[in-house]
């Protein structure tokens, strides 16, 4: 049985956020949508106290590498549409045998 994990490091920029409260409101929405619509397990891992930046870590799992890669592509496209001037996604796909 093959099993794969996609790990994502997501850097976001919130140019419209004028406060930590505004950033956290937007970030909460983004995290909920990524989890609900795409099944991404996600957490904020850096830049907690900067009001225009956030770093997230996310993970997806699957039994088919092609489908998993396509799911990560979908996440990236969604983020690029939502943050046209401020998103960077770093991805790593590995099999459980490689961990």
Protein backbone atom coordinates (compact mmCIF):
# COMPACT_ATOMS: atom_id res chain seq x y z
CA UNK A 1 0.00 0.00 0.00
CA UNK A 2 1.39 3.38 -1.00
CA UNK A 3 0.82 6.42 1.17
CA UNK A 4 2.03 9.95 0.56
CA UNK A 5 2.21 13.20 2.50
CA UNK A 6 2.26 16.73 1.10
CA UNK A 7 3.76 19.33 3.42
CA UNK A 8 3.23 22.99 2.62
CA UNK A 9 4.85 26.13 3.98
CA UNK A 10 2.68 29.10 3.10
CA UNK A 11 3.76 32.73 3.44
CA UNK A 12 0.92 35.25 3.24
CA UNK A 13 0.89 39.03 3.06
CA UNK A 14 -2.11 41.05 4.25
CA UNK A 15 -1.59 44.58 2.87
CA UNK A 16 -5.12 45.64 3.82
CA UNK A 17 -4.78 44.60 7.47
CA UNK A 18 -4.32 47.63 9.69
CA UNK A 19 -4.11 45.69 12.94
CA UNK A 20 -3.48 42.26 14.39
CA UNK A 21 -7.23 41.90 14.89
CA UNK A 22 -7.87 42.49 11.17
CA UNK A 23 -5.13 40.05 10.19
CA UNK A 24 -6.40 37.36 12.54
CA UNK A 25 -9.95 37.74 11.24
CA UNK A 26 -8.81 37.27 7.63
CA UNK A 27 -6.39 34.49 8.56
CA UNK A 28 -9.08 32.61 10.47
CA UNK A 29 -11.30 32.71 7.39
CA UNK A 30 -8.48 31.49 5.12
CA UNK A 31 -7.60 28.61 7.44
CA UNK A 32 -11.24 27.53 7.78
CA UNK A 33 -11.80 27.59 4.01
CA UNK A 34 -8.63 25.63 3.29
CA UNK A 35 -9.64 23.01 5.83
CA UNK A 36 -13.32 22.77 4.84
CA UNK A 37 -12.97 22.97 1.06
CA UNK A 38 -9.68 21.17 0.50
CA UNK A 39 -9.15 19.03 3.59
CA UNK A 40 -5.89 20.77 4.47
CA UNK A 41 -4.71 20.43 8.06
CA UNK A 42 -3.29 23.86 8.77
CA UNK A 43 -1.73 25.95 11.54
CA UNK A 44 -0.08 29.35 11.89
CA UNK A 45 3.58 28.71 12.74
CA UNK A 46 5.34 32.09 12.52
CA UNK A 47 4.83 35.87 12.44
CA UNK A 48 2.07 35.69 15.05
CA UNK A 49 2.55 39.30 16.13
CA UNK A 50 3.12 40.92 12.73
CA UNK A 51 -0.08 42.44 11.42
CA UNK A 52 0.63 42.09 7.69
CA UNK A 53 2.37 38.68 7.53
CA UNK A 54 1.61 35.09 8.40
CA UNK A 55 3.41 31.80 7.94
CA UNK A 56 1.30 28.66 7.85
CA UNK A 57 2.16 24.98 7.76
CA UNK A 58 -0.24 22.58 6.10
CA UNK A 59 -0.49 18.90 5.32
CA UNK A 60 -2.47 16.63 3.01
CA UNK A 61 -2.29 12.86 2.77
CA UNK A 62 -3.29 10.42 0.06
CA UNK A 63 -2.70 7.08 -1.53
CA UNK A 64 -2.12 8.36 -5.06
CA UNK A 65 0.80 10.70 -5.72
CA UNK A 66 -0.79 12.21 -8.83
CA UNK A 67 -4.02 13.07 -7.03
CA UNK A 68 -2.12 14.48 -4.09
CA UNK A 69 -0.01 16.67 -6.37
CA UNK A 70 -3.19 17.89 -8.10
CA UNK A 71 -4.74 18.70 -4.71
CA UNK A 72 -1.69 20.77 -3.77
CA UNK A 73 -1.92 22.57 -7.13
CA UNK A 74 -5.55 23.40 -6.31
CA UNK A 75 -4.54 24.83 -2.93
CA UNK A 76 -1.84 26.96 -4.59
CA UNK A 77 -4.22 28.28 -7.25
CA UNK A 78 -6.82 29.17 -4.63
CA UNK A 79 -4.25 31.03 -2.55
CA UNK A 80 -2.86 32.88 -5.59
CA UNK A 81 -6.38 33.98 -6.53
CA UNK A 82 -7.09 35.18 -3.00
CA UNK A 83 -3.67 36.84 -2.49
CA UNK A 84 -2.55 37.99 -5.97
CA UNK A 85 0.38 40.05 -4.67
CA UNK A 86 1.37 38.28 -1.49
CA UNK A 87 1.62 34.50 -1.39
CA UNK A 88 4.52 32.06 -1.47
CA UNK A 89 4.01 28.30 -1.23
CA UNK A 90 6.80 25.79 -0.69
CA UNK A 91 5.78 22.15 -1.12
CA UNK A 92 7.34 18.84 -0.23
CA UNK A 93 5.79 15.53 -1.28
CA UNK A 94 7.11 12.35 0.31
CA UNK A 95 6.08 8.74 0.66
CA UNK A 96 5.66 7.21 4.09
CA UNK A 97 8.51 4.87 3.24
CA UNK A 98 10.83 7.91 2.95
CA UNK A 99 9.92 9.29 6.38
